[in-house]
Amino acid sequence: MLKTVKPGDQVVTNSGIYASVVKVNDDDTLVTKIADGVNVKMSRQAVESIQNPK
């Protein structure tokens, strides 16, 4: 499931933070948006679940 994460997906992290994926990097990291103007770079493994899987 983590391999399918793409920009626009809504995710929940292992620590319970809800975020929107902005960018997927080649080094197994993601840039996520957690609030207006607040982007966080995190490990792909930090994603617990995808809220809108298709």
PDB file of N, CA and C in Angstrom:
ATOM      1  N   MET A   1       0.823  -1.199   0.000  1.00  0.00           N
ATOM      2  CA  MET A   1       0.000   0.000   0.000  1.00  0.00           C
ATOM      3  C   MET A   1       0.866   1.263   0.000  1.00  0.00           C
ATOM      4  N   LEU A   2       1.960   1.269   0.751  1.00  0.00           N
ATOM      5  CA  LEU A   2       2.798   2.466   0.833  1.00  0.00           C
ATOM      6  C   LEU A   2       3.427   2.825  -0.510  1.00  0.00           C
ATOM      7  N   LYS A   3       3.635   1.842  -1.358  1.00  0.00           N
ATOM      8  CA  LYS A   3       4.213   2.110  -2.682  1.00  0.00           C
ATOM      9  C   LYS A   3       3.251   2.884  -3.570  1.00  0.00           C
ATOM     10  N   THR A   4       1.959   2.849  -3.238  1.00  0.00           N
ATOM     11  CA  THR A   4       0.951   3.503  -4.077  1.00  0.00           C
ATOM     12  C   THR A   4       0.643   4.938  -3.652  1.00  0.00           C
ATOM     13  N   VAL A   5       1.310   5.435  -2.629  1.00  0.00           N
ATOM     14  CA  VAL A   5       1.067   6.814  -2.172  1.00  0.00           C
ATOM     15  C   VAL A   5       1.450   7.778  -3.285  1.00  0.00           C
ATOM     16  N   LYS A   6       0.547   8.734  -3.549  1.00  0.00           N
ATOM     17  CA  LYS A   6       0.787   9.700  -4.621  1.00  0.00           C
ATOM     18  C   LYS A   6       0.309  11.086  -4.188  1.00  0.00           C
ATOM     19  N   PRO A   7       0.790  12.134  -4.854  1.00  0.00           N
ATOM     20  CA  PRO A   7       0.337  13.487  -4.515  1.00  0.00           C
ATOM     21  C   PRO A   7      -1.189  13.585  -4.556  1.00  0.00           C
ATOM     22  N   GLY A   8      -1.735  14.256  -3.560  1.00  0.00           N
ATOM     23  CA  GLY A   8      -3.185  14.421  -3.453  1.00  0.00           C
ATOM     24  C   GLY A   8      -3.828  13.451  -2.479  1.00  0.00           C
ATOM     25  N   ASP A   9      -3.129  12.352  -2.148  1.00  0.00           N
ATOM     26  CA  ASP A   9      -3.678  11.386  -1.194  1.00  0.00           C
ATOM     27  C   ASP A   9      -3.743  11.985   0.202  1.00  0.00           C
ATOM     28  N   GLN A  10      -4.779  11.625   0.923  1.00  0.00           N
ATOM     29  CA  GLN A  10      -4.914  11.987   2.333  1.00  0.00           C
ATOM     30  C   GLN A  10      -4.400  10.811   3.150  1.00  0.00           C
ATOM     31  N   VAL A  11      -3.451  11.056   4.056  1.00  0.00           N
ATOM     32  CA  VAL A  11      -2.838   9.974   4.820  1.00  0.00           C
ATOM     33  C   VAL A  11      -2.913  10.271   6.319  1.00  0.00           C
ATOM     34  N   VAL A  12      -2.734   9.204   7.100  1.00  0.00           N
ATOM     35  CA  VAL A  12      -2.598   9.315   8.546  1.00  0.00           C
ATOM     36  C   VAL A  12      -1.245   8.718   8.897  1.00  0.00           C
ATOM     37  N   THR A  13      -0.462   9.442   9.690  1.00  0.00           N
ATOM     38  CA  THR A  13       0.860   8.958  10.065  1.00  0.00           C
ATOM     39  C   THR A  13       0.771   8.048  11.284  1.00  0.00           C
ATOM     40  N   ASN A  14       1.873   7.363  11.583  1.00  0.00           N
ATOM     41  CA  ASN A  14       1.938   6.492  12.752  1.00  0.00           C
ATOM     42  C   ASN A  14       1.664   7.253  14.048  1.00  0.00           C
ATOM     43  N   SER A  15       1.952   8.547  14.050  1.00  0.00           N
ATOM     44  CA  SER A  15       1.723   9.355  15.257  1.00  0.00           C
ATOM     45  C   SER A  15       0.337   9.996  15.283  1.00  0.00           C
ATOM     46  N   GLY A  16      -0.499   9.690  14.278  1.00  0.00           N
ATOM     47  CA  GLY A  16      -1.879  10.176  14.279  1.00  0.00           C
ATOM     48  C   GLY A  16      -2.098  11.507  13.596  1.00  0.00           C
ATOM     49  N   ILE A  17      -1.116  11.984  12.860  1.00  0.00           N
ATOM     50  CA  ILE A  17      -1.253  13.258  12.148  1.00  0.00           C
ATOM     51  C   ILE A  17      -1.910  13.024  10.790  1.00  0.00           C
ATOM     52  N   TYR A  18      -2.946  13.779  10.495  1.00  0.00           N
ATOM     53  CA  TYR A  18      -3.617  13.729   9.196  1.00  0.00           C
ATOM     54  C   TYR A  18      -2.925  14.721   8.273  1.00  0.00           C
ATOM     55  N   ALA A  19      -2.613  14.293   7.057  1.00  0.00           N
ATOM     56  CA  ALA A  19      -1.877  15.145   6.138  1.00  0.00           C
ATOM     57  C   ALA A  19      -2.268  14.843   4.705  1.00  0.00           C
ATOM     58  N   SER A  20      -1.937  15.764   3.826  1.00  0.00           N
ATOM     59  CA  SER A  20      -2.147  15.599   2.399  1.00  0.00           C
ATOM     60  C   SER A  20      -0.776  15.494   1.735  1.00  0.00           C
ATOM     61  N   VAL A  21      -0.596  14.512   0.865  1.00  0.00           N
ATOM     62  CA  VAL A  21       0.689  14.315   0.197  1.00  0.00           C
ATOM     63  C   VAL A  21       0.851  15.368  -0.891  1.00  0.00           C
ATOM     64  N   VAL A  22       1.956  16.114  -0.830  1.00  0.00           N
ATOM     65  CA  VAL A  22       2.263  17.141  -1.811  1.00  0.00           C
ATOM     66  C   VAL A  22       3.209  16.588  -2.871  1.00  0.00           C
ATOM     67  N   LYS A  23       4.223  15.817  -2.422  1.00  0.00           N
ATOM     68  CA  LYS A  23       5.248  15.330  -3.339  1.00  0.00           C
ATOM     69  C   LYS A  23       5.796  14.005  -2.826  1.00  0.00           C
ATOM     70  N   VAL A  24       6.087  13.091  -3.741  1.00  0.00           N
ATOM     71  CA  VAL A  24       6.738  11.824  -3.411  1.00  0.00           C
ATOM     72  C   VAL A  24       8.151  11.888  -3.979  1.00  0.00           C
ATOM     73  N   ASN A  25       9.156  11.772  -3.110  1.00  0.00           N
ATOM     74  CA  ASN A  25      10.557  11.854  -3.530  1.00  0.00           C
ATOM     75  C   ASN A  25      11.110  10.467  -3.834  1.00  0.00           C
ATOM     76  N   ASP A  26      12.182  10.424  -4.608  1.00  0.00           N
ATOM     77  CA  ASP A  26      12.814   9.164  -4.995  1.00  0.00           C
ATOM     78  C   ASP A  26      13.518   8.464  -3.835  1.00  0.00           C
ATOM     79  N   ASP A  27      13.818   9.176  -2.761  1.00  0.00           N
ATOM     80  CA  ASP A  27      14.576   8.602  -1.640  1.00  0.00           C
ATOM     81  C   ASP A  27      13.667   8.047  -0.541  1.00  0.00           C
ATOM     82  N   ASP A  28      12.464   7.620  -0.898  1.00  0.00           N
ATOM     83  CA  ASP A  28      11.488   7.058   0.048  1.00  0.00           C
ATOM     84  C   ASP A  28      11.020   8.055   1.099  1.00  0.00           C
ATOM     85  N   THR A  29      10.972   9.332   0.726  1.00  0.00           N
ATOM     86  CA  THR A  29      10.399  10.342   1.604  1.00  0.00           C
ATOM     87  C   THR A  29       9.232  11.010   0.903  1.00  0.00           C
ATOM     88  N   LEU A  30       8.368  11.628   1.696  1.00  0.00           N
ATOM     89  CA  LEU A  30       7.206  12.353   1.199  1.00  0.00           C
ATOM     90  C   LEU A  30       7.240  13.769   1.741  1.00  0.00           C
ATOM     91  N   VAL A  31       6.709  14.699   0.981  1.00  0.00           N
ATOM     92  CA  VAL A  31       6.438  16.033   1.506  1.00  0.00           C
ATOM     93  C   VAL A  31       4.932  16.093   1.690  1.00  0.00           C
ATOM     94  N   THR A  32       4.512  16.385   2.921  1.00  0.00           N
ATOM     95  CA  THR A  32       3.088  16.432   3.221  1.00  0.00           C
ATOM     96  C   THR A  32       2.703  17.807   3.741  1.00  0.00           C
ATOM     97  N   LYS A  33       1.443  18.141   3.556  1.00  0.00           N
ATOM     98  CA  LYS A  33       0.893  19.408   4.045  1.00  0.00           C
ATOM     99  C   LYS A  33       0.003  19.076   5.236  1.00  0.00           C
ATOM    100  N   ILE A  34       0.319  19.673   6.409  1.00  0.00           N
ATOM    101  CA  ILE A  34      -0.492  19.408   7.590  1.00  0.00           C
ATOM    102  C   ILE A  34      -1.354  20.607   7.977  1.00  0.00           C
ATOM    103  N   ALA A  35      -1.051  21.772   7.408  1.00  0.00           N
ATOM    104  CA  ALA A  35      -1.843  22.991   7.619  1.00  0.00           C
ATOM    105  C   ALA A  35      -1.448  23.973   6.522  1.00  0.00           C
ATOM    106  N   ASP A  36      -2.214  25.030   6.354  1.00  0.00           N
ATOM    107  CA  ASP A  36      -1.882  26.034   5.350  1.00  0.00           C
ATOM    108  C   ASP A  36      -0.485  26.580   5.621  1.00  0.00           C
ATOM    109  N   GLY A  37       0.396  26.450   4.631  1.00  0.00           N
ATOM    110  CA  GLY A  37       1.749  26.957   4.746  1.00  0.00           C
ATOM    111  C   GLY A  37       2.694  26.095   5.580  1.00  0.00           C
ATOM    112  N   VAL A  38       2.245  24.897   5.991  1.00  0.00           N
ATOM    113  CA  VAL A  38       3.079  24.019   6.815  1.00  0.00           C
ATOM    114  C   VAL A  38       3.271  22.691   6.093  1.00  0.00           C
ATOM    115  N   ASN A  39       4.451  22.517   5.486  1.00  0.00           N
ATOM    116  CA  ASN A  39       4.803  21.266   4.822  1.00  0.00           C
ATOM    117  C   ASN A  39       5.822  20.537   5.666  1.00  0.00           C
ATOM    118  N   VAL A  40       5.709  19.213   5.721  1.00  0.00           N
ATOM    119  CA  VAL A  40       6.598  18.376   6.521  1.00  0.00           C
ATOM    120  C   VAL A  40       7.154  17.265   5.648  1.00  0.00           C
ATOM    121  N   LYS A  41       8.482  17.100   5.679  1.00  0.00           N
ATOM    122  CA  LYS A  41       9.108  15.983   4.980  1.00  0.00           C
ATOM    123  C   LYS A  41       9.148  14.807   5.947  1.00  0.00           C
ATOM    124  N   MET A  42       8.698  13.639   5.487  1.00  0.00           N
ATOM    125  CA  MET A  42       8.675  12.471   6.365  1.00  0.00           C
ATOM    126  C   MET A  42       9.022  11.216   5.575  1.00  0.00           C
ATOM    127  N   SER A  43       9.395  10.193   6.300  1.00  0.00           N
ATOM    128  CA  SER A  43       9.678   8.899   5.721  1.00  0.00           C
ATOM    129  C   SER A  43       8.382   8.269   5.220  1.00  0.00           C
ATOM    130  N   ARG A  44       8.461   7.542   4.131  1.00  0.00           N
ATOM    131  CA  ARG A  44       7.284   6.833   3.605  1.00  0.00           C
ATOM    132  C   ARG A  44       6.751   5.845   4.654  1.00  0.00           C
ATOM    133  N   GLN A  45       7.655   5.273   5.461  1.00  0.00           N
ATOM    134  CA  GLN A  45       7.265   4.305   6.485  1.00  0.00           C
ATOM    135  C   GLN A  45       6.479   4.938   7.627  1.00  0.00           C
ATOM    136  N   ALA A  46       6.453   6.261   7.708  1.00  0.00           N
ATOM    137  CA  ALA A  46       5.682   6.947   8.745  1.00  0.00           C
ATOM    138  C   ALA A  46       4.186   6.944   8.448  1.00  0.00           C
ATOM    139  N   VAL A  47       3.804   6.567   7.227  1.00  0.00           N
ATOM    140  CA  VAL A  47       2.389   6.543   6.847  1.00  0.00           C
ATOM    141  C   VAL A  47       1.739   5.269   7.375  1.00  0.00           C
ATOM    142  N   GLU A  48       0.731   5.444   8.192  1.00  0.00           N
ATOM    143  CA  GLU A  48      -0.020   4.312   8.753  1.00  0.00           C
ATOM    144  C   GLU A  48      -1.101   3.842   7.775  1.00  0.00           C
ATOM    145  N   SER A  49      -1.819   4.804   7.175  1.00  0.00           N
ATOM    146  CA  SER A  49      -2.873   4.425   6.244  1.00  0.00           C
ATOM    147  C   SER A  49      -3.164   5.552   5.262  1.00  0.00           C
ATOM    148  N   ILE A  50      -3.741   5.156   4.134  1.00  0.00           N
ATOM    149  CA  ILE A  50      -4.203   6.108   3.131  1.00  0.00           C
ATOM    150  C   ILE A  50      -5.716   6.200   3.306  1.00  0.00           C
ATOM    151  N   GLN A  51      -6.236   7.411   3.437  1.00  0.00           N
ATOM    152  CA  GLN A  51      -7.648   7.613   3.722  1.00  0.00           C
ATOM    153  C   GLN A  51      -8.523   7.560   2.482  1.00  0.00           C
ATOM    154  N   ASN A  52      -7.931   7.712   1.295  1.00  0.00           N
ATOM    155  CA  ASN A  52      -8.733   7.707   0.064  1.00  0.00           C
ATOM    156  C   ASN A  52      -8.162   6.733  -0.958  1.00  0.00           C
ATOM    157  N   PRO A  53      -7.906   5.475  -0.578  1.00  0.00           N
ATOM    158  CA  PRO A  53      -7.349   4.546  -1.571  1.00  0.00           C
ATOM    159  C   PRO A  53      -8.336   4.279  -2.702  1.00  0.00           C
ATOM    160  N   LYS A  54      -7.788   4.132  -3.904  1.00  0.00           N
ATOM    161  CA  LYS A  54      -8.650   3.897  -5.060  1.00  0.00           C
ATOM    162  C   LYS A  54      -8.303   2.601  -5.717  1.00  0.00           C
TER     163      LYS A  54
END
